[in-house]
Amino acid sequence: MQDKHYDAIVVGAGFAGLACAHQLARHGLAVCVIDRKQDLGERMHTTGILVQEACDAPLLAGMPPALLRAVPHVRLYAPNLRSVRLGADGYRFHTTDTPALMRWLGEHAETCGVELRRGCPFRNAARTPTGWQVEGVGRARVLVGADGARSRVAQRLGLGRVKQFLHGVEYEFDGVALREPDALHCFISKRFAPGYLGWMAQTPTGVQAGLARRYRPGNTQAPDMAGFLRHVAPMMGLSVTRSPDSIRAGLIPCGGPVGPMRGTTWCWSAMRPAWCRR
């Protein structure tokens, strides 16, 4: 396995890594994706809210309808919870059963010719005259680091690293419904979400509620989800005392492209969910 040759090795089987691998494979390249997780749907760190453009991409062609829910409107809330309902003809967001979606994306990539190695963490890589030697994996002309906000690829190879983040938390409540399920509810609040916003949306399996705030180095305070839910849950039709069935959390890059870019080496900021557009 150490001597196996690929056109590209992609580190990280999240949205970015699988999208990259799928695109390369569609053009006839030999691609291997490695990920430290055995189950691509567990220990998620990104939201499952997708913009329309993502749903129109070839990667999601043939996605099972049960994994997706269209949300055609946005309700935007001021800090005092006064709101306005917004929409645009032909445009909508989509919520997903995110763990199931990630599992499907992995299987879909494999059917398109991508070699997906689950339970295979990135350890190190060395430059060769023709590309890269990736420890425990093989050789490739191109190495793609799509391994999240704290990229180990960037760390090991001395590439540019992300310095600006949001700190996000998202709760999933199974089997419950919002009073207004056809809207993505977005809350502007300096108290709960300085530098970003809070949100709630109906998903194929229930409701997700999220909160993100600007991350400051040295400040380990997590977003105040308990306080946020006490503030907005009653008007949404949710119980304040209901415990989440699952939780996602992590850092979200928000500072744009990183450097340096040297020769044919790039560091891509990969953990970038659809709701964190640059």
C-alpha atoms as a PDB file:
ATOM      1  CA  MET A   1       0.000   0.000   0.000  1.00  0.00           C
ATOM      2  CA  GLN A   2       2.915   2.342   0.708  1.00  0.00           C
ATOM      3  CA  ASP A   3       3.949   2.223  -2.983  1.00  0.00           C
ATOM      4  CA  LYS A   4       0.507   2.741  -4.458  1.00  0.00           C
ATOM      5  CA  HIS A   5       0.370   5.682  -6.875  1.00  0.00           C
ATOM      6  CA  TYR A   6      -2.459   8.208  -7.296  1.00  0.00           C
ATOM      7  CA  ASP A   7      -2.958  11.447  -9.117  1.00  0.00           C
ATOM      8  CA  ALA A   8      -4.235  13.020  -5.890  1.00  0.00           C
ATOM      9  CA  ILE A   9      -4.506  12.168  -2.213  1.00  0.00           C
ATOM     10  CA  VAL A  10      -7.135  14.150  -0.304  1.00  0.00           C
ATOM     11  CA  VAL A  11      -6.893  14.351   3.483  1.00  0.00           C
ATOM     12  CA  GLY A  12     -10.336  14.685   5.072  1.00  0.00           C
ATOM     13  CA  ALA A  13     -13.691  13.205   4.017  1.00  0.00           C
ATOM     14  CA  GLY A  14     -15.870  16.173   4.923  1.00  0.00           C
ATOM     15  CA  PHE A  15     -17.899  18.246   2.466  1.00  0.00           C
ATOM     16  CA  ALA A  16     -14.801  19.936   1.003  1.00  0.00           C
ATOM     17  CA  GLY A  17     -12.656  16.819   0.696  1.00  0.00           C
ATOM     18  CA  LEU A  18     -15.358  14.687  -0.899  1.00  0.00           C
ATOM     19  CA  ALA A  19     -16.392  17.478  -3.282  1.00  0.00           C
ATOM     20  CA  CYS A  20     -12.775  17.889  -4.388  1.00  0.00           C
ATOM     21  CA  ALA A  21     -12.246  14.153  -4.797  1.00  0.00           C
ATOM     22  CA  HIS A  22     -15.500  13.711  -6.709  1.00  0.00           C
ATOM     23  CA  GLN A  23     -14.590  16.496  -9.146  1.00  0.00           C
ATOM     24  CA  LEU A  24     -11.123  15.050  -9.775  1.00  0.00           C
ATOM     25  CA  ALA A  25     -12.502  11.536 -10.272  1.00  0.00           C
ATOM     26  CA  ARG A  26     -15.077  12.847 -12.774  1.00  0.00           C
ATOM     27  CA  HIS A  27     -12.140  14.003 -14.906  1.00  0.00           C
ATOM     28  CA  GLY A  28     -10.570  10.556 -14.887  1.00  0.00           C
ATOM     29  CA  LEU A  29      -7.950  11.037 -12.188  1.00  0.00           C
ATOM     30  CA  ALA A  30      -6.991   8.357  -9.667  1.00  0.00           C
ATOM     31  CA  VAL A  31      -7.978   9.763  -6.270  1.00  0.00           C
ATOM     32  CA  CYS A  32      -7.609   8.483  -2.707  1.00  0.00           C
ATOM     33  CA  VAL A  33      -9.373  10.126   0.253  1.00  0.00           C
ATOM     34  CA  ILE A  34      -8.243   9.340   3.790  1.00  0.00           C
ATOM     35  CA  ASP A  35     -10.111  10.139   6.988  1.00  0.00           C
ATOM     36  CA  ARG A  36      -9.401   9.262  10.602  1.00  0.00           C
ATOM     37  CA  LYS A  37     -13.046   8.310  11.249  1.00  0.00           C
ATOM     38  CA  GLN A  38     -14.494   4.893  10.494  1.00  0.00           C
ATOM     39  CA  ASP A  39     -17.996   6.396  10.334  1.00  0.00           C
ATOM     40  CA  LEU A  40     -18.156   9.629   8.328  1.00  0.00           C
ATOM     41  CA  GLY A  41     -21.407  10.577  10.057  1.00  0.00           C
ATOM     42  CA  GLU A  42     -20.098  10.625  13.613  1.00  0.00           C
ATOM     43  CA  ARG A  43     -18.426  13.467  15.550  1.00  0.00           C
ATOM     44  CA  MET A  44     -19.566  16.078  13.065  1.00  0.00           C
ATOM     45  CA  HIS A  45     -18.172  19.609  13.283  1.00  0.00           C
ATOM     46  CA  THR A  46     -20.175  21.356  10.564  1.00  0.00           C
ATOM     47  CA  THR A  47     -23.764  22.366   9.959  1.00  0.00           C
ATOM     48  CA  GLY A  48     -26.011  20.583   7.498  1.00  0.00           C
ATOM     49  CA  ILE A  49     -27.650  23.710   6.059  1.00  0.00           C
ATOM     50  CA  LEU A  50     -26.904  23.949   2.339  1.00  0.00           C
ATOM     51  CA  VAL A  51     -27.340  26.817  -0.088  1.00  0.00           C
ATOM     52  CA  GLN A  52     -29.104  26.237  -3.419  1.00  0.00           C
ATOM     53  CA  GLU A  53     -25.817  26.278  -5.352  1.00  0.00           C
ATOM     54  CA  ALA A  54     -24.488  23.350  -3.292  1.00  0.00           C
ATOM     55  CA  CYS A  55     -27.593  21.294  -3.991  1.00  0.00           C
ATOM     56  CA  ASP A  56     -27.224  21.948  -7.725  1.00  0.00           C
ATOM     57  CA  ALA A  57     -23.628  20.681  -7.764  1.00  0.00           C
ATOM     58  CA  PRO A  58     -22.839  17.318  -9.424  1.00  0.00           C
ATOM     59  CA  LEU A  59     -21.647  15.904  -6.101  1.00  0.00           C
ATOM     60  CA  LEU A  60     -25.217  15.842  -4.752  1.00  0.00           C
ATOM     61  CA  ALA A  61     -26.859  14.476  -7.904  1.00  0.00           C
ATOM     62  CA  GLY A  62     -28.981  11.474  -6.981  1.00  0.00           C
ATOM     63  CA  MET A  63     -29.056  12.238  -3.273  1.00  0.00           C
ATOM     64  CA  PRO A  64     -31.967  10.378  -1.597  1.00  0.00           C
ATOM     65  CA  PRO A  65     -34.866  12.857  -1.130  1.00  0.00           C
ATOM     66  CA  ALA A  66     -35.324  11.732   2.483  1.00  0.00           C
ATOM     67  CA  LEU A  67     -31.983  13.334   3.403  1.00  0.00           C
ATOM     68  CA  LEU A  68     -33.044  16.804   2.290  1.00  0.00           C
ATOM     69  CA  ARG A  69     -35.696  19.382   3.247  1.00  0.00           C
ATOM     70  CA  ALA A  70     -36.290  22.587   1.258  1.00  0.00           C
ATOM     71  CA  VAL A  71     -36.565  25.812   3.265  1.00  0.00           C
ATOM     72  CA  PRO A  72     -37.797  28.566   0.897  1.00  0.00           C
ATOM     73  CA  HIS A  73     -37.853  31.537   3.277  1.00  0.00           C
ATOM     74  CA  VAL A  74     -35.710  33.327   5.858  1.00  0.00           C
ATOM     75  CA  ARG A  75     -37.088  35.058   8.932  1.00  0.00           C
ATOM     76  CA  LEU A  76     -34.601  37.600  10.236  1.00  0.00           C
ATOM     77  CA  TYR A  77     -34.856  38.658  13.893  1.00  0.00           C
ATOM     78  CA  ALA A  78     -33.562  41.846  15.488  1.00  0.00           C
ATOM     79  CA  PRO A  79     -32.144  41.687  19.037  1.00  0.00           C
ATOM     80  CA  ASN A  80     -35.609  42.591  20.407  1.00  0.00           C
ATOM     81  CA  LEU A  81     -37.036  39.603  18.422  1.00  0.00           C
ATOM     82  CA  ARG A  82     -39.027  41.729  16.000  1.00  0.00           C
ATOM     83  CA  SER A  83     -38.716  40.013  12.632  1.00  0.00           C
ATOM     84  CA  VAL A  84     -39.176  40.234   8.884  1.00  0.00           C
ATOM     85  CA  ARG A  85     -39.884  37.343   6.503  1.00  0.00           C
ATOM     86  CA  LEU A  86     -37.706  37.235   3.374  1.00  0.00           C
ATOM     87  CA  GLY A  87     -37.666  35.168   0.225  1.00  0.00           C
ATOM     88  CA  ALA A  88     -36.602  35.104  -3.420  1.00  0.00           C
ATOM     89  CA  ASP A  89     -38.353  33.367  -6.312  1.00  0.00           C
ATOM     90  CA  GLY A  90     -36.625  30.106  -7.206  1.00  0.00           C
ATOM     91  CA  TYR A  91     -34.122  30.236  -4.365  1.00  0.00           C
ATOM     92  CA  ARG A  92     -34.127  28.202  -1.181  1.00  0.00           C
ATOM     93  CA  PHE A  93     -31.922  26.800   1.509  1.00  0.00           C
ATOM     94  CA  HIS A  94     -31.919  23.093   2.321  1.00  0.00           C
ATOM     95  CA  THR A  95     -31.538  21.364   5.651  1.00  0.00           C
ATOM     96  CA  THR A  96     -30.259  17.812   5.827  1.00  0.00           C
ATOM     97  CA  ASP A  97     -29.998  14.701   7.900  1.00  0.00           C
ATOM     98  CA  THR A  98     -26.303  15.562   8.122  1.00  0.00           C
ATOM     99  CA  PRO A  99     -24.807  12.313   9.495  1.00  0.00           C
ATOM    100  CA  ALA A 100     -26.751  10.271   6.935  1.00  0.00           C
ATOM    101  CA  LEU A 101     -25.763  12.728   4.204  1.00  0.00           C
ATOM    102  CA  MET A 102     -22.058  12.363   4.989  1.00  0.00           C
ATOM    103  CA  ARG A 103     -22.319   8.578   4.913  1.00  0.00           C
ATOM    104  CA  TRP A 104     -24.096   8.762   1.563  1.00  0.00           C
ATOM    105  CA  LEU A 105     -21.513  11.189   0.158  1.00  0.00           C
ATOM    106  CA  GLY A 106     -18.729   8.759   1.047  1.00  0.00           C
ATOM    107  CA  GLU A 107     -20.509   5.868  -0.655  1.00  0.00           C
ATOM    108  CA  HIS A 108     -21.351   8.048  -3.665  1.00  0.00           C
ATOM    109  CA  ALA A 109     -17.712   9.085  -4.066  1.00  0.00           C
ATOM    110  CA  GLU A 110     -16.685   5.432  -4.052  1.00  0.00           C
ATOM    111  CA  THR A 111     -19.177   4.601  -6.813  1.00  0.00           C
ATOM    112  CA  CYS A 112     -17.553   7.392  -8.865  1.00  0.00           C
ATOM    113  CA  GLY A 113     -14.146   5.732  -8.578  1.00  0.00           C
ATOM    114  CA  VAL A 114     -12.705   7.424  -5.490  1.00  0.00           C
ATOM    115  CA  GLU A 115     -10.766   5.156  -3.132  1.00  0.00           C
ATOM    116  CA  LEU A 116     -11.973   6.062   0.379  1.00  0.00           C
ATOM    117  CA  ARG A 117      -9.901   4.844   3.322  1.00  0.00           C
ATOM    118  CA  ARG A 118     -11.846   5.196   6.554  1.00  0.00           C
ATOM    119  CA  GLY A 119      -9.988   4.979   9.856  1.00  0.00           C
ATOM    120  CA  CYS A 120      -6.813   6.237   8.204  1.00  0.00           C
ATOM    121  CA  PRO A 121      -5.434   9.393   9.876  1.00  0.00           C
ATOM    122  CA  PHE A 122      -2.913  11.668   8.195  1.00  0.00           C
ATOM    123  CA  ARG A 123       0.494  11.372   9.883  1.00  0.00           C
ATOM    124  CA  ASN A 124       3.006  13.030   7.606  1.00  0.00           C
ATOM    125  CA  ALA A 125       4.067  13.580   4.014  1.00  0.00           C
ATOM    126  CA  ALA A 126       7.354  14.216   2.242  1.00  0.00           C
ATOM    127  CA  ARG A 127       8.073  16.003  -1.017  1.00  0.00           C
ATOM    128  CA  THR A 128       9.348  13.841  -3.871  1.00  0.00           C
ATOM    129  CA  PRO A 129      10.596  14.825  -7.351  1.00  0.00           C
ATOM    130  CA  THR A 130       7.169  14.026  -8.804  1.00  0.00           C
ATOM    131  CA  GLY A 131       4.821  14.970  -5.955  1.00  0.00           C
ATOM    132  CA  TRP A 132       4.246  13.614  -2.454  1.00  0.00           C
ATOM    133  CA  GLN A 133       4.884  10.491  -0.431  1.00  0.00           C
ATOM    134  CA  VAL A 134       2.139  10.224   2.196  1.00  0.00           C
ATOM    135  CA  GLU A 135       3.049   8.045   5.137  1.00  0.00           C
ATOM    136  CA  GLY A 136       1.059   4.809   5.208  1.00  0.00           C
ATOM    137  CA  VAL A 137      -0.917   5.695   2.073  1.00  0.00           C
ATOM    138  CA  GLY A 138       1.217   5.999  -1.052  1.00  0.00           C
ATOM    139  CA  ARG A 139       2.426   8.491  -3.648  1.00  0.00           C
ATOM    140  CA  ALA A 140       0.531  11.248  -5.417  1.00  0.00           C
ATOM    141  CA  ARG A 141       1.224  14.149  -7.739  1.00  0.00           C
ATOM    142  CA  VAL A 142      -1.053  16.395  -5.664  1.00  0.00           C
ATOM    143  CA  LEU A 143      -1.802  16.449  -1.929  1.00  0.00           C
ATOM    144  CA  VAL A 144      -4.957  18.264  -0.777  1.00  0.00           C
ATOM    145  CA  GLY A 145      -5.420  19.246   2.866  1.00  0.00           C
ATOM    146  CA  ALA A 146      -9.167  19.266   3.512  1.00  0.00           C
ATOM    147  CA  ASP A 147      -8.785  18.335   7.153  1.00  0.00           C
ATOM    148  CA  GLY A 148     -10.498  21.124   9.012  1.00  0.00           C
ATOM    149  CA  ALA A 149      -9.869  24.301  10.888  1.00  0.00           C
ATOM    150  CA  ARG A 150      -6.722  23.015  12.596  1.00  0.00           C
ATOM    151  CA  SER A 151      -5.305  21.345   9.501  1.00  0.00           C
ATOM    152  CA  ARG A 152      -2.633  18.776  10.282  1.00  0.00           C
ATOM    153  CA  VAL A 153      -1.526  18.916   6.656  1.00  0.00           C
ATOM    154  CA  ALA A 154      -0.801  22.635   7.016  1.00  0.00           C
ATOM    155  CA  GLN A 155       0.920  22.054  10.356  1.00  0.00           C
ATOM    156  CA  ARG A 156       3.165  19.213   9.179  1.00  0.00           C
ATOM    157  CA  LEU A 157       4.150  20.864   5.882  1.00  0.00           C
ATOM    158  CA  GLY A 158       4.648  24.391   7.177  1.00  0.00           C
ATOM    159  CA  LEU A 159       1.888  25.922   5.072  1.00  0.00           C
ATOM    160  CA  GLY A 160      -0.231  28.939   5.818  1.00  0.00           C
ATOM    161  CA  ARG A 161      -2.719  28.356   8.621  1.00  0.00           C
ATOM    162  CA  VAL A 162      -6.089  29.874   9.415  1.00  0.00           C
ATOM    163  CA  LYS A 163      -6.015  32.565  12.084  1.00  0.00           C
ATOM    164  CA  GLN A 164      -9.611  33.847  12.127  1.00  0.00           C
ATOM    165  CA  PHE A 165     -12.493  31.646  13.267  1.00  0.00           C
ATOM    166  CA  LEU A 166     -16.053  31.493  14.406  1.00  0.00           C
ATOM    167  CA  HIS A 167     -16.879  29.216  17.344  1.00  0.00           C
ATOM    168  CA  GLY A 168     -20.064  27.343  16.464  1.00  0.00           C
ATOM    169  CA  VAL A 169     -22.415  24.995  18.322  1.00  0.00           C
ATOM    170  CA  GLU A 170     -25.446  23.243  16.871  1.00  0.00           C
ATOM    171  CA  TYR A 171     -28.092  21.163  18.674  1.00  0.00           C
ATOM    172  CA  GLU A 172     -30.361  18.588  17.029  1.00  0.00           C
ATOM    173  CA  PHE A 173     -33.820  17.868  18.455  1.00  0.00           C
ATOM    174  CA  ASP A 174     -35.363  14.760  16.900  1.00  0.00           C
ATOM    175  CA  GLY A 175     -39.062  14.419  16.126  1.00  0.00           C
ATOM    176  CA  VAL A 176     -40.145  17.990  16.920  1.00  0.00           C
ATOM    177  CA  ALA A 177     -41.510  20.765  14.700  1.00  0.00           C
ATOM    178  CA  LEU A 178     -41.238  24.540  14.522  1.00  0.00           C
ATOM    179  CA  ARG A 179     -44.313  26.746  14.391  1.00  0.00           C
ATOM    180  CA  GLU A 180     -43.010  28.123  11.080  1.00  0.00           C
ATOM    181  CA  PRO A 181     -41.193  25.198   9.465  1.00  0.00           C
ATOM    182  CA  ASP A 182     -40.733  26.721   6.000  1.00  0.00           C
ATOM    183  CA  ALA A 183     -38.276  29.386   7.164  1.00  0.00           C
ATOM    184  CA  LEU A 184     -34.658  29.511   8.225  1.00  0.00           C
ATOM    185  CA  HIS A 185     -34.865  31.576  11.418  1.00  0.00           C
ATOM    186  CA  CYS A 186     -31.801  33.841  11.838  1.00  0.00           C
ATOM    187  CA  PHE A 187     -31.194  35.827  15.028  1.00  0.00           C
ATOM    188  CA  ILE A 188     -28.946  38.866  15.241  1.00  0.00           C
ATOM    189  CA  SER A 189     -27.732  39.227  18.809  1.00  0.00           C
ATOM    190  CA  LYS A 190     -24.627  40.906  20.170  1.00  0.00           C
ATOM    191  CA  ARG A 191     -25.359  39.167  23.466  1.00  0.00           C
ATOM    192  CA  PHE A 192     -25.474  35.605  22.171  1.00  0.00           C
ATOM    193  CA  ALA A 193     -23.752  35.756  18.775  1.00  0.00           C
ATOM    194  CA  PRO A 194     -21.262  38.649  18.564  1.00  0.00           C
ATOM    195  CA  GLY A 195     -19.763  38.683  15.086  1.00  0.00           C
ATOM    196  CA  TYR A 196     -22.228  36.211  13.573  1.00  0.00           C
ATOM    197  CA  LEU A 197     -25.753  34.958  14.376  1.00  0.00           C
ATOM    198  CA  GLY A 198     -28.003  32.282  15.828  1.00  0.00           C
ATOM    199  CA  TRP A 199     -30.384  30.103  13.800  1.00  0.00           C
ATOM    200  CA  MET A 200     -33.146  27.514  13.891  1.00  0.00           C
ATOM    201  CA  ALA A 201     -34.501  25.374  11.079  1.00  0.00           C
ATOM    202  CA  GLN A 202     -36.707  22.387  10.414  1.00  0.00           C
ATOM    203  CA  THR A 203     -34.736  19.354   9.216  1.00  0.00           C
ATOM    204  CA  PRO A 204     -35.802  16.016   7.728  1.00  0.00           C
ATOM    205  CA  THR A 205     -35.590  14.489  11.222  1.00  0.00           C
ATOM    206  CA  GLY A 206     -36.571  17.329  13.576  1.00  0.00           C
ATOM    207  CA  VAL A 207     -35.171  20.752  14.446  1.00  0.00           C
ATOM    208  CA  GLN A 208     -31.651  22.115  14.580  1.00  0.00           C
ATOM    209  CA  ALA A 209     -30.661  25.167  16.573  1.00  0.00           C
ATOM    210  CA  GLY A 210     -27.265  26.786  16.236  1.00  0.00           C
ATOM    211  CA  LEU A 211     -25.182  29.634  17.523  1.00  0.00           C
ATOM    212  CA  ALA A 212     -21.832  31.018  16.397  1.00  0.00           C
ATOM    213  CA  ARG A 213     -19.699  33.848  17.687  1.00  0.00           C
ATOM    214  CA  ARG A 214     -16.382  35.355  16.749  1.00  0.00           C
ATOM    215  CA  TYR A 215     -13.551  33.304  18.241  1.00  0.00           C
ATOM    216  CA  ARG A 216     -10.877  35.190  20.156  1.00  0.00           C
ATOM    217  CA  PRO A 217      -7.546  33.438  20.934  1.00  0.00           C
ATOM    218  CA  GLY A 218      -7.318  32.685  24.629  1.00  0.00           C
ATOM    219  CA  ASN A 219     -11.085  32.938  25.134  1.00  0.00           C
ATOM    220  CA  THR A 220     -12.381  29.417  25.673  1.00  0.00           C
ATOM    221  CA  GLN A 221     -15.949  30.494  26.419  1.00  0.00           C
ATOM    222  CA  ALA A 222     -18.372  28.499  24.271  1.00  0.00           C
ATOM    223  CA  PRO A 223     -21.492  30.081  22.762  1.00  0.00           C
ATOM    224  CA  ASP A 224     -24.270  30.290  25.376  1.00  0.00           C
ATOM    225  CA  MET A 225     -26.708  27.815  23.808  1.00  0.00           C
ATOM    226  CA  ALA A 226     -28.703  27.400  27.038  1.00  0.00           C
ATOM    227  CA  GLY A 227     -29.284  31.144  27.301  1.00  0.00           C
ATOM    228  CA  PHE A 228     -30.051  31.438  23.587  1.00  0.00           C
ATOM    229  CA  LEU A 229     -32.665  28.679  23.778  1.00  0.00           C
ATOM    230  CA  ARG A 230     -34.316  30.221  26.827  1.00  0.00           C
ATOM    231  CA  HIS A 231     -34.514  33.452  24.836  1.00  0.00           C
ATOM    232  CA  VAL A 232     -36.027  32.119  21.602  1.00  0.00           C
ATOM    233  CA  ALA A 233     -37.399  28.578  22.096  1.00  0.00           C
ATOM    234  CA  PRO A 234     -40.880  29.511  23.414  1.00  0.00           C
ATOM    235  CA  MET A 235     -41.696  31.620  20.363  1.00  0.00           C
ATOM    236  CA  MET A 236     -40.424  28.817  18.106  1.00  0.00           C
ATOM    237  CA  GLY A 237     -42.692  26.204  19.700  1.00  0.00           C
ATOM    238  CA  LEU A 238     -39.864  24.304  21.408  1.00  0.00           C
ATOM    239  CA  SER A 239     -39.587  23.217  25.013  1.00  0.00           C
ATOM    240  CA  VAL A 240     -36.891  25.073  26.944  1.00  0.00           C
ATOM    241  CA  THR A 241     -36.224  21.985  29.066  1.00  0.00           C
ATOM    242  CA  ARG A 242     -35.801  19.572  26.146  1.00  0.00           C
ATOM    243  CA  SER A 243     -32.285  18.125  25.968  1.00  0.00           C
ATOM    244  CA  PRO A 244     -30.670  17.864  22.520  1.00  0.00           C
ATOM    245  CA  ASP A 245     -30.441  14.437  20.915  1.00  0.00           C
ATOM    246  CA  SER A 246     -27.075  15.292  19.365  1.00  0.00           C
ATOM    247  CA  ILE A 247     -24.581  18.139  19.397  1.00  0.00           C
ATOM    248  CA  ARG A 248     -22.100  19.422  16.827  1.00  0.00           C
ATOM    249  CA  ALA A 249     -19.446  22.009  17.662  1.00  0.00           C
ATOM    250  CA  GLY A 250     -16.162  23.351  16.387  1.00  0.00           C
ATOM    251  CA  LEU A 251     -14.163  26.193  14.904  1.00  0.00           C
ATOM    252  CA  ILE A 252     -15.185  27.614  11.529  1.00  0.00           C
ATOM    253  CA  PRO A 253     -12.604  29.400   9.345  1.00  0.00           C
ATOM    254  CA  CYS A 254     -13.819  32.851   8.307  1.00  0.00           C
ATOM    255  CA  GLY A 255     -10.721  34.860   7.370  1.00  0.00           C
ATOM    256  CA  GLY A 256     -10.442  34.114   3.662  1.00  0.00           C
ATOM    257  CA  PRO A 257      -7.561  32.431   1.796  1.00  0.00           C
ATOM    258  CA  VAL A 258      -4.393  31.704   3.744  1.00  0.00           C
ATOM    259  CA  GLY A 259      -0.733  31.885   2.764  1.00  0.00           C
ATOM    260  CA  PRO A 260       1.991  31.301   1.952  1.00  0.00           C
ATOM    261  CA  MET A 261       1.496  29.678  -1.426  1.00  0.00           C
ATOM    262  CA  ARG A 262       4.818  28.246  -2.526  1.00  0.00           C
ATOM    263  CA  GLY A 263       5.358  26.660  -5.904  1.00  0.00           C
ATOM    264  CA  THR A 264       2.727  23.991  -6.449  1.00  0.00           C
ATOM    265  CA  THR A 265       1.786  23.806  -2.775  1.00  0.00           C
ATOM    266  CA  TRP A 266      -1.500  25.186  -1.503  1.00  0.00           C
ATOM    267  CA  CYS A 267      -3.193  25.106   1.879  1.00  0.00           C
ATOM    268  CA  TRP A 268      -6.955  25.081   1.524  1.00  0.00           C
ATOM    269  CA  SER A 269      -9.211  26.089   4.396  1.00  0.00           C
ATOM    270  CA  ALA A 270     -11.553  23.147   4.258  1.00  0.00           C
ATOM    271  CA  MET A 271     -13.959  23.205   7.159  1.00  0.00           C
ATOM    272  CA  ARG A 272     -16.246  25.774   5.604  1.00  0.00           C
ATOM    273  CA  PRO A 273     -19.955  24.998   5.848  1.00  0.00           C
ATOM    274  CA  ALA A 274     -22.540  26.475   3.485  1.00  0.00           C
ATOM    275  CA  TRP A 275     -23.718  29.048   5.993  1.00  0.00           C
ATOM    276  CA  CYS A 276     -20.225  30.517   6.396  1.00  0.00           C
ATOM    277  CA  ARG A 277     -19.840  32.074   2.933  1.00  0.00           C
ATOM    278  CA  ARG A 278     -16.811  34.221   2.175  1.00  0.00           C
END
